Amino acid sequence: MPLPVKDTQPVERRLLRDVVYQRLYEGIIDGTLEPGETLLDEKLTAWLGVSRTPVREALMKLADIGLVEMAPNRYTRVAPIDLRAIDEAIYTTGILHEHAARESTPSLNAATIGRLEKVAKEIKKHAKTKDLPALGRSLNEFFLEFERSTDNTVLVTVSEGLSPQLLRYVSVWQLPFDTDDIPGKIADIAAAAKAHDGDKVGELIHELYEPARRQFFDEYRRSDAEIDASPIV
């Protein structure tokens, strides 16, 4: 997809590298920058209205989390979507979210519960409008509240590291899952979290992820042979 001639929102001058990183990150996640698209410094600097240095720094950071591929003197491009990695990420995030919720829910503070309830309302809004990128971001934030409440930095790092590929896949997938019943299930999880019932929250998260995993493999996932023949799209 061709880049806009100039971004309509000027980049803030403070923390320039982080601002540029966030713009590029969001562009990849929402599909503005498509899988496999070549990223040229001169076009990115013109789009964002910044110099080359913060752009290169942001691209290297994006490469670290697997959203950008860089081959010296050859190309810098948006990383293609790796379907086998998506398979693994769906399984892994479900397990991590369930474990984190069981561990953290009994001691959740009022501020965290308030954030869960707030994000649950956002999820209901995004599901109603079928805004998949926004829905993916809100779902991600909802579940990361449980990881962050464990005070387990490794768990948080792994969970956050899996987020970008899943969010990007939700954005480009035409029908990744049935969104109609998600708000109700998320509301139930938030209510159980408010009651500090860790086992109930864990069970609800397991139930939420199990149909998604089954649906993915039964209806949308390509066969192993097809993935082996062409593992990226």
C-alpha atoms as a PDB file:
ATOM      1  CA  MET A   1       0.000   0.000   0.000  1.00  0.00           C
ATOM      2  CA  PRO A   2       1.543   3.370  -0.984  1.00  0.00           C
ATOM      3  CA  LEU A   3       2.494   5.600   1.919  1.00  0.00           C
ATOM      4  CA  PRO A   4       0.640   8.894   2.332  1.00  0.00           C
ATOM      5  CA  VAL A   5       2.592  11.892   1.041  1.00  0.00           C
ATOM      6  CA  LYS A   6       2.581  13.317   4.534  1.00  0.00           C
ATOM      7  CA  ASP A   7       1.120  12.235   7.845  1.00  0.00           C
ATOM      8  CA  THR A   8      -1.843  14.343   8.891  1.00  0.00           C
ATOM      9  CA  GLN A   9      -0.638  14.282  12.495  1.00  0.00           C
ATOM     10  CA  PRO A  10       2.796  15.896  12.956  1.00  0.00           C
ATOM     11  CA  VAL A  11       5.237  13.876  15.016  1.00  0.00           C
ATOM     12  CA  GLU A  12       5.895  15.253  18.498  1.00  0.00           C
ATOM     13  CA  ARG A  13       9.440  16.419  19.085  1.00  0.00           C
ATOM     14  CA  ARG A  14       9.892  14.814  22.503  1.00  0.00           C
ATOM     15  CA  LEU A  15      10.966  11.171  22.636  1.00  0.00           C
ATOM     16  CA  LEU A  16      11.148  11.210  18.858  1.00  0.00           C
ATOM     17  CA  ARG A  17      12.388   7.647  18.413  1.00  0.00           C
ATOM     18  CA  ASP A  18       9.530   6.298  20.536  1.00  0.00           C
ATOM     19  CA  VAL A  19       6.927   8.381  18.709  1.00  0.00           C
ATOM     20  CA  VAL A  20       8.200   7.180  15.326  1.00  0.00           C
ATOM     21  CA  TYR A  21       8.289   3.601  16.613  1.00  0.00           C
ATOM     22  CA  GLN A  22       4.665   3.849  17.736  1.00  0.00           C
ATOM     23  CA  ARG A  23       3.531   5.265  14.377  1.00  0.00           C
ATOM     24  CA  LEU A  24       5.279   2.509  12.438  1.00  0.00           C
ATOM     25  CA  TYR A  25       4.128  -0.165  14.883  1.00  0.00           C
ATOM     26  CA  GLU A  26       0.503   0.901  14.491  1.00  0.00           C
ATOM     27  CA  GLY A  27       0.885   1.099  10.714  1.00  0.00           C
ATOM     28  CA  ILE A  28       2.063  -2.504  10.587  1.00  0.00           C
ATOM     29  CA  ILE A  29      -0.556  -3.757  13.030  1.00  0.00           C
ATOM     30  CA  ASP A  30      -3.504  -2.124  11.255  1.00  0.00           C
ATOM     31  CA  GLY A  31      -2.319  -3.119   7.779  1.00  0.00           C
ATOM     32  CA  THR A  32      -1.403   0.364   6.490  1.00  0.00           C
ATOM     33  CA  LEU A  33       2.069  -1.093   5.985  1.00  0.00           C
ATOM     34  CA  GLU A  34       1.386  -4.452   4.393  1.00  0.00           C
ATOM     35  CA  PRO A  35       3.239  -7.752   4.961  1.00  0.00           C
ATOM     36  CA  GLY A  36       6.331  -7.840   2.739  1.00  0.00           C
ATOM     37  CA  GLU A  37       6.183  -4.124   1.876  1.00  0.00           C
ATOM     38  CA  THR A  38       9.587  -2.516   1.360  1.00  0.00           C
ATOM     39  CA  LEU A  39      10.355   0.279   3.820  1.00  0.00           C
ATOM     40  CA  LEU A  40      12.492   3.009   2.262  1.00  0.00           C
ATOM     41  CA  ASP A  41      14.091   5.556   4.577  1.00  0.00           C
ATOM     42  CA  GLU A  42      13.350   8.519   2.332  1.00  0.00           C
ATOM     43  CA  LYS A  43       9.651   7.658   2.073  1.00  0.00           C
ATOM     44  CA  LEU A  44       9.313   7.058   5.790  1.00  0.00           C
ATOM     45  CA  THR A  45      11.055  10.308   6.682  1.00  0.00           C
ATOM     46  CA  ALA A  46       8.803  12.217   4.285  1.00  0.00           C
ATOM     47  CA  TRP A  47       5.701  10.525   5.684  1.00  0.00           C
ATOM     48  CA  LEU A  48       6.586  11.165   9.316  1.00  0.00           C
ATOM     49  CA  GLY A  49       8.377  14.483   8.870  1.00  0.00           C
ATOM     50  CA  VAL A  50      11.499  13.418  10.759  1.00  0.00           C
ATOM     51  CA  SER A  51      15.165  12.755  10.048  1.00  0.00           C
ATOM     52  CA  ARG A  52      16.625   9.376   9.141  1.00  0.00           C
ATOM     53  CA  THR A  53      18.110   8.613  12.577  1.00  0.00           C
ATOM     54  CA  PRO A  54      14.873   8.102  14.589  1.00  0.00           C
ATOM     55  CA  VAL A  55      13.415   6.133  11.697  1.00  0.00           C
ATOM     56  CA  ARG A  56      16.372   3.717  11.635  1.00  0.00           C
ATOM     57  CA  GLU A  57      16.278   3.386  15.416  1.00  0.00           C
ATOM     58  CA  ALA A  58      12.562   2.613  15.317  1.00  0.00           C
ATOM     59  CA  LEU A  59      13.008   0.086  12.506  1.00  0.00           C
ATOM     60  CA  MET A  60      15.711  -1.758  14.435  1.00  0.00           C
ATOM     61  CA  LYS A  61      13.421  -1.925  17.471  1.00  0.00           C
ATOM     62  CA  LEU A  62      10.603  -3.274  15.291  1.00  0.00           C
ATOM     63  CA  ALA A  63      12.997  -5.858  13.885  1.00  0.00           C
ATOM     64  CA  ASP A  64      13.716  -7.010  17.439  1.00  0.00           C
ATOM     65  CA  ILE A  65      10.060  -7.954  17.935  1.00  0.00           C
ATOM     66  CA  GLY A  66       9.662  -9.583  14.536  1.00  0.00           C
ATOM     67  CA  LEU A  67       7.551  -6.970  12.743  1.00  0.00           C
ATOM     68  CA  VAL A  68      10.331  -5.811  10.412  1.00  0.00           C
ATOM     69  CA  GLU A  69      12.997  -7.753   8.519  1.00  0.00           C
ATOM     70  CA  MET A  70      16.336  -6.094   7.763  1.00  0.00           C
ATOM     71  CA  ALA A  71      18.994  -7.463   5.384  1.00  0.00           C
ATOM     72  CA  PRO A  72      22.018  -5.131   5.152  1.00  0.00           C
ATOM     73  CA  ASN A  73      22.463  -3.615   1.680  1.00  0.00           C
ATOM     74  CA  ARG A  74      19.458  -5.606   0.427  1.00  0.00           C
ATOM     75  CA  TYR A  75      16.161  -4.580   1.959  1.00  0.00           C
ATOM     76  CA  THR A  76      14.197  -3.424   4.972  1.00  0.00           C
ATOM     77  CA  ARG A  77      10.620  -4.623   4.821  1.00  0.00           C
ATOM     78  CA  VAL A  78       7.528  -5.393   6.843  1.00  0.00           C
ATOM     79  CA  ALA A  79       7.909  -8.968   8.001  1.00  0.00           C
ATOM     80  CA  PRO A  80       5.603 -11.429   6.221  1.00  0.00           C
ATOM     81  CA  ILE A  81       3.034 -13.173   8.399  1.00  0.00           C
ATOM     82  CA  ASP A  82       4.338 -16.544   9.560  1.00  0.00           C
ATOM     83  CA  LEU A  83       1.353 -18.880   9.929  1.00  0.00           C
ATOM     84  CA  ARG A  84       3.223 -21.502  11.920  1.00  0.00           C
ATOM     85  CA  ALA A  85       4.260 -18.834  14.424  1.00  0.00           C
ATOM     86  CA  ILE A  86       0.616 -17.774  14.648  1.00  0.00           C
ATOM     87  CA  ASP A  87      -0.392 -21.353  15.455  1.00  0.00           C
ATOM     88  CA  GLU A  88       2.088 -21.440  18.300  1.00  0.00           C
ATOM     89  CA  ALA A  89       1.195 -17.976  19.560  1.00  0.00           C
ATOM     90  CA  ILE A  90      -2.527 -18.758  19.828  1.00  0.00           C
ATOM     91  CA  TYR A  91      -1.832 -21.787  21.994  1.00  0.00           C
ATOM     92  CA  THR A  92       0.765 -20.038  24.098  1.00  0.00           C
ATOM     93  CA  THR A  93      -1.143 -16.842  24.830  1.00  0.00           C
ATOM     94  CA  GLY A  94      -4.194 -18.799  25.965  1.00  0.00           C
ATOM     95  CA  ILE A  95      -2.069 -20.773  28.411  1.00  0.00           C
ATOM     96  CA  LEU A  96      -0.260 -17.680  29.700  1.00  0.00           C
ATOM     97  CA  HIS A  97      -3.440 -15.641  30.147  1.00  0.00           C
ATOM     98  CA  GLU A  98      -5.152 -18.453  32.031  1.00  0.00           C
ATOM     99  CA  HIS A  99      -2.170 -19.012  34.318  1.00  0.00           C
ATOM    100  CA  ALA A 100      -1.704 -15.296  35.009  1.00  0.00           C
ATOM    101  CA  ALA A 101      -5.389 -14.823  35.781  1.00  0.00           C
ATOM    102  CA  ARG A 102      -5.483 -17.714  38.248  1.00  0.00           C
ATOM    103  CA  GLU A 103      -2.391 -16.378  40.006  1.00  0.00           C
ATOM    104  CA  SER A 104      -3.239 -12.688  40.115  1.00  0.00           C
ATOM    105  CA  THR A 105      -7.028 -12.479  40.480  1.00  0.00           C
ATOM    106  CA  PRO A 106      -7.252 -13.187  44.244  1.00  0.00           C
ATOM    107  CA  SER A 107      -5.132 -10.100  44.991  1.00  0.00           C
ATOM    108  CA  LEU A 108      -6.201  -7.694  42.235  1.00  0.00           C
ATOM    109  CA  ASN A 109      -6.457  -4.117  43.472  1.00  0.00           C
ATOM    110  CA  ALA A 110      -9.325  -1.720  42.824  1.00  0.00           C
ATOM    111  CA  ALA A 111      -7.403   0.197  40.160  1.00  0.00           C
ATOM    112  CA  THR A 112      -6.758  -2.943  38.097  1.00  0.00           C
ATOM    113  CA  ILE A 113     -10.367  -4.069  38.401  1.00  0.00           C
ATOM    114  CA  GLY A 114     -11.451  -0.621  37.252  1.00  0.00           C
ATOM    115  CA  ARG A 115      -9.207  -0.884  34.186  1.00  0.00           C
ATOM    116  CA  LEU A 116     -10.589  -4.342  33.381  1.00  0.00           C
ATOM    117  CA  GLU A 117     -14.148  -3.022  33.519  1.00  0.00           C
ATOM    118  CA  LYS A 118     -13.239  -0.019  31.384  1.00  0.00           C
ATOM    119  CA  VAL A 119     -11.568  -2.124  28.701  1.00  0.00           C
ATOM    120  CA  ALA A 120     -14.475  -4.592  28.775  1.00  0.00           C
ATOM    121  CA  LYS A 121     -16.750  -1.716  27.729  1.00  0.00           C
ATOM    122  CA  GLU A 122     -14.353  -0.792  24.918  1.00  0.00           C
ATOM    123  CA  ILE A 123     -14.383  -4.403  23.714  1.00  0.00           C
ATOM    124  CA  LYS A 124     -18.189  -4.323  23.552  1.00  0.00           C
ATOM    125  CA  LYS A 125     -18.056  -1.152  21.437  1.00  0.00           C
ATOM    126  CA  HIS A 126     -15.403  -2.455  19.032  1.00  0.00           C
ATOM    127  CA  ALA A 127     -17.136  -5.808  18.593  1.00  0.00           C
ATOM    128  CA  LYS A 128     -20.402  -4.046  17.747  1.00  0.00           C
ATOM    129  CA  THR A 129     -18.727  -1.918  15.060  1.00  0.00           C
ATOM    130  CA  LYS A 130     -16.581  -4.848  13.804  1.00  0.00           C
ATOM    131  CA  ASP A 131     -13.442  -2.744  14.258  1.00  0.00           C
ATOM    132  CA  LEU A 132     -11.055  -5.698  14.359  1.00  0.00           C
ATOM    133  CA  PRO A 133      -7.789  -3.774  14.892  1.00  0.00           C
ATOM    134  CA  ALA A 134      -9.291  -1.859  17.830  1.00  0.00           C
ATOM    135  CA  LEU A 135     -10.915  -5.019  19.183  1.00  0.00           C
ATOM    136  CA  GLY A 136      -7.594  -6.847  19.042  1.00  0.00           C
ATOM    137  CA  ARG A 137      -5.807  -4.055  20.897  1.00  0.00           C
ATOM    138  CA  SER A 138      -8.458  -3.907  23.616  1.00  0.00           C
ATOM    139  CA  LEU A 139      -8.501  -7.683  24.086  1.00  0.00           C
ATOM    140  CA  ASN A 140      -4.723  -7.638  24.338  1.00  0.00           C
ATOM    141  CA  GLU A 141      -4.785  -4.889  26.977  1.00  0.00           C
ATOM    142  CA  PHE A 142      -7.507  -6.671  28.932  1.00  0.00           C
ATOM    143  CA  PHE A 143      -5.543  -9.891  29.315  1.00  0.00           C
ATOM    144  CA  LEU A 144      -2.195  -8.186  29.877  1.00  0.00           C
ATOM    145  CA  GLU A 145      -3.687  -6.643  33.028  1.00  0.00           C
ATOM    146  CA  PHE A 146      -3.550 -10.109  34.568  1.00  0.00           C
ATOM    147  CA  GLU A 147       0.073 -10.695  33.514  1.00  0.00           C
ATOM    148  CA  ARG A 148       1.175  -7.311  34.825  1.00  0.00           C
ATOM    149  CA  SER A 149      -0.531  -7.988  38.143  1.00  0.00           C
ATOM    150  CA  THR A 150       1.579 -11.101  38.752  1.00  0.00           C
ATOM    151  CA  ASP A 151       4.784  -9.057  39.127  1.00  0.00           C
ATOM    152  CA  ASN A 152       6.413 -11.792  37.037  1.00  0.00           C
ATOM    153  CA  THR A 153       8.564  -9.850  34.596  1.00  0.00           C
ATOM    154  CA  VAL A 154       9.354 -12.908  32.460  1.00  0.00           C
ATOM    155  CA  LEU A 155       5.652 -13.684  32.070  1.00  0.00           C
ATOM    156  CA  VAL A 156       4.915 -10.084  31.124  1.00  0.00           C
ATOM    157  CA  THR A 157       7.798  -9.935  28.641  1.00  0.00           C
ATOM    158  CA  VAL A 158       6.792 -13.165  26.902  1.00  0.00           C
ATOM    159  CA  SER A 159       3.120 -12.188  26.731  1.00  0.00           C
ATOM    160  CA  GLU A 160       3.888  -8.727  25.362  1.00  0.00           C
ATOM    161  CA  GLY A 161       6.331 -10.240  22.890  1.00  0.00           C
ATOM    162  CA  LEU A 162       3.626 -12.489  21.451  1.00  0.00           C
ATOM    163  CA  SER A 163       1.154  -9.633  21.090  1.00  0.00           C
ATOM    164  CA  PRO A 164       2.349  -7.912  17.876  1.00  0.00           C
ATOM    165  CA  GLN A 165       2.031 -10.908  15.559  1.00  0.00           C
ATOM    166  CA  LEU A 166      -1.410 -11.808  16.904  1.00  0.00           C
ATOM    167  CA  LEU A 167      -2.648  -8.231  16.652  1.00  0.00           C
ATOM    168  CA  ARG A 168      -1.422  -7.940  13.080  1.00  0.00           C
ATOM    169  CA  TYR A 169      -3.029 -11.234  12.118  1.00  0.00           C
ATOM    170  CA  VAL A 170      -6.377 -10.118  13.565  1.00  0.00           C
ATOM    171  CA  SER A 171      -6.151  -6.949  11.471  1.00  0.00           C
ATOM    172  CA  VAL A 172      -5.533  -8.650   8.127  1.00  0.00           C
ATOM    173  CA  TRP A 173      -7.658 -11.749   8.659  1.00  0.00           C
ATOM    174  CA  GLN A 174     -11.058 -11.370   7.023  1.00  0.00           C
ATOM    175  CA  LEU A 175     -12.887 -13.401   9.682  1.00  0.00           C
ATOM    176  CA  PRO A 176     -10.572 -14.480  12.496  1.00  0.00           C
ATOM    177  CA  PHE A 177     -13.342 -15.318  14.951  1.00  0.00           C
ATOM    178  CA  ASP A 178     -16.991 -14.738  15.721  1.00  0.00           C
ATOM    179  CA  THR A 179     -17.080 -11.428  17.601  1.00  0.00           C
ATOM    180  CA  ASP A 180     -20.733 -11.516  18.630  1.00  0.00           C
ATOM    181  CA  ASP A 181     -20.301 -13.398  21.899  1.00  0.00           C
ATOM    182  CA  ILE A 182     -16.925 -11.963  22.925  1.00  0.00           C
ATOM    183  CA  PRO A 183     -18.250  -8.941  24.898  1.00  0.00           C
ATOM    184  CA  GLY A 184     -20.437 -11.140  27.101  1.00  0.00           C
ATOM    185  CA  LYS A 185     -17.591 -13.521  27.841  1.00  0.00           C
ATOM    186  CA  ILE A 186     -15.213 -10.684  28.632  1.00  0.00           C
ATOM    187  CA  ALA A 187     -17.830  -9.106  30.910  1.00  0.00           C
ATOM    188  CA  ASP A 188     -18.126 -12.436  32.767  1.00  0.00           C
ATOM    189  CA  ILE A 189     -14.346 -12.579  33.208  1.00  0.00           C
ATOM    190  CA  ALA A 190     -14.291  -9.001  34.513  1.00  0.00           C
ATOM    191  CA  ALA A 191     -17.101  -9.803  36.973  1.00  0.00           C
ATOM    192  CA  ALA A 192     -15.293 -12.909  38.253  1.00  0.00           C
ATOM    193  CA  ALA A 193     -12.096 -10.856  38.597  1.00  0.00           C
ATOM    194  CA  LYS A 194     -14.001  -8.260  40.630  1.00  0.00           C
ATOM    195  CA  ALA A 195     -15.146 -11.098  42.902  1.00  0.00           C
ATOM    196  CA  HIS A 196     -11.483 -12.214  43.218  1.00  0.00           C
ATOM    197  CA  ASP A 197     -12.407 -15.713  42.041  1.00  0.00           C
ATOM    198  CA  GLY A 198      -9.185 -16.878  40.405  1.00  0.00           C
ATOM    199  CA  ASP A 199     -10.409 -20.352  39.536  1.00  0.00           C
ATOM    200  CA  LYS A 200     -13.540 -18.981  37.863  1.00  0.00           C
ATOM    201  CA  VAL A 201     -11.548 -16.452  35.852  1.00  0.00           C
ATOM    202  CA  GLY A 202      -9.140 -19.173  34.742  1.00  0.00           C
ATOM    203  CA  GLU A 203     -11.989 -21.442  33.667  1.00  0.00           C
ATOM    204  CA  LEU A 204     -13.669 -18.645  31.710  1.00  0.00           C
ATOM    205  CA  ILE A 205     -10.440 -17.753  29.899  1.00  0.00           C
ATOM    206  CA  HIS A 206      -9.861 -21.401  29.056  1.00  0.00           C
ATOM    207  CA  GLU A 207     -13.393 -21.656  27.672  1.00  0.00           C
ATOM    208  CA  LEU A 208     -12.899 -18.451  25.662  1.00  0.00           C
ATOM    209  CA  TYR A 209      -9.691 -19.655  24.037  1.00  0.00           C
ATOM    210  CA  GLU A 210     -10.665 -23.254  23.381  1.00  0.00           C
ATOM    211  CA  PRO A 211     -13.294 -22.534  20.682  1.00  0.00           C
ATOM    212  CA  ALA A 212     -10.980 -19.961  19.097  1.00  0.00           C
ATOM    213  CA  ARG A 213      -8.197 -22.529  18.854  1.00  0.00           C
ATOM    214  CA  ARG A 214     -10.558 -25.184  17.492  1.00  0.00           C
ATOM    215  CA  GLN A 215     -12.147 -22.787  15.006  1.00  0.00           C
ATOM    216  CA  PHE A 216      -8.751 -21.644  13.812  1.00  0.00           C
ATOM    217  CA  PHE A 217      -7.599 -25.177  13.038  1.00  0.00           C
ATOM    218  CA  ASP A 218     -10.920 -26.477  11.712  1.00  0.00           C
ATOM    219  CA  GLU A 219     -12.004 -23.568   9.522  1.00  0.00           C
ATOM    220  CA  TYR A 220      -9.216 -21.111   8.785  1.00  0.00           C
ATOM    221  CA  ARG A 221      -5.842 -22.721   9.239  1.00  0.00           C
ATOM    222  CA  ARG A 222      -4.163 -24.199   6.176  1.00  0.00           C
ATOM    223  CA  SER A 223      -2.959 -27.780   6.317  1.00  0.00           C
ATOM    224  CA  ASP A 224       0.553 -28.584   7.543  1.00  0.00           C
ATOM    225  CA  ALA A 225       1.540 -29.525   3.993  1.00  0.00           C
ATOM    226  CA  GLU A 226       0.301 -26.195   2.646  1.00  0.00           C
ATOM    227  CA  ILE A 227       2.144 -24.289   5.372  1.00  0.00           C
ATOM    228  CA  ASP A 228       5.323 -26.255   4.692  1.00  0.00           C
ATOM    229  CA  ALA A 229       5.069 -25.362   1.023  1.00  0.00           C
ATOM    230  CA  SER A 230       4.447 -21.669   1.701  1.00  0.00           C
ATOM    231  CA  PRO A 231       4.900 -20.789   5.404  1.00  0.00           C
ATOM    232  CA  ILE A 232       4.525 -17.021   4.965  1.00  0.00           C
ATOM    233  CA  VAL A 233       1.961 -14.772   3.321  1.00  0.00           C
END
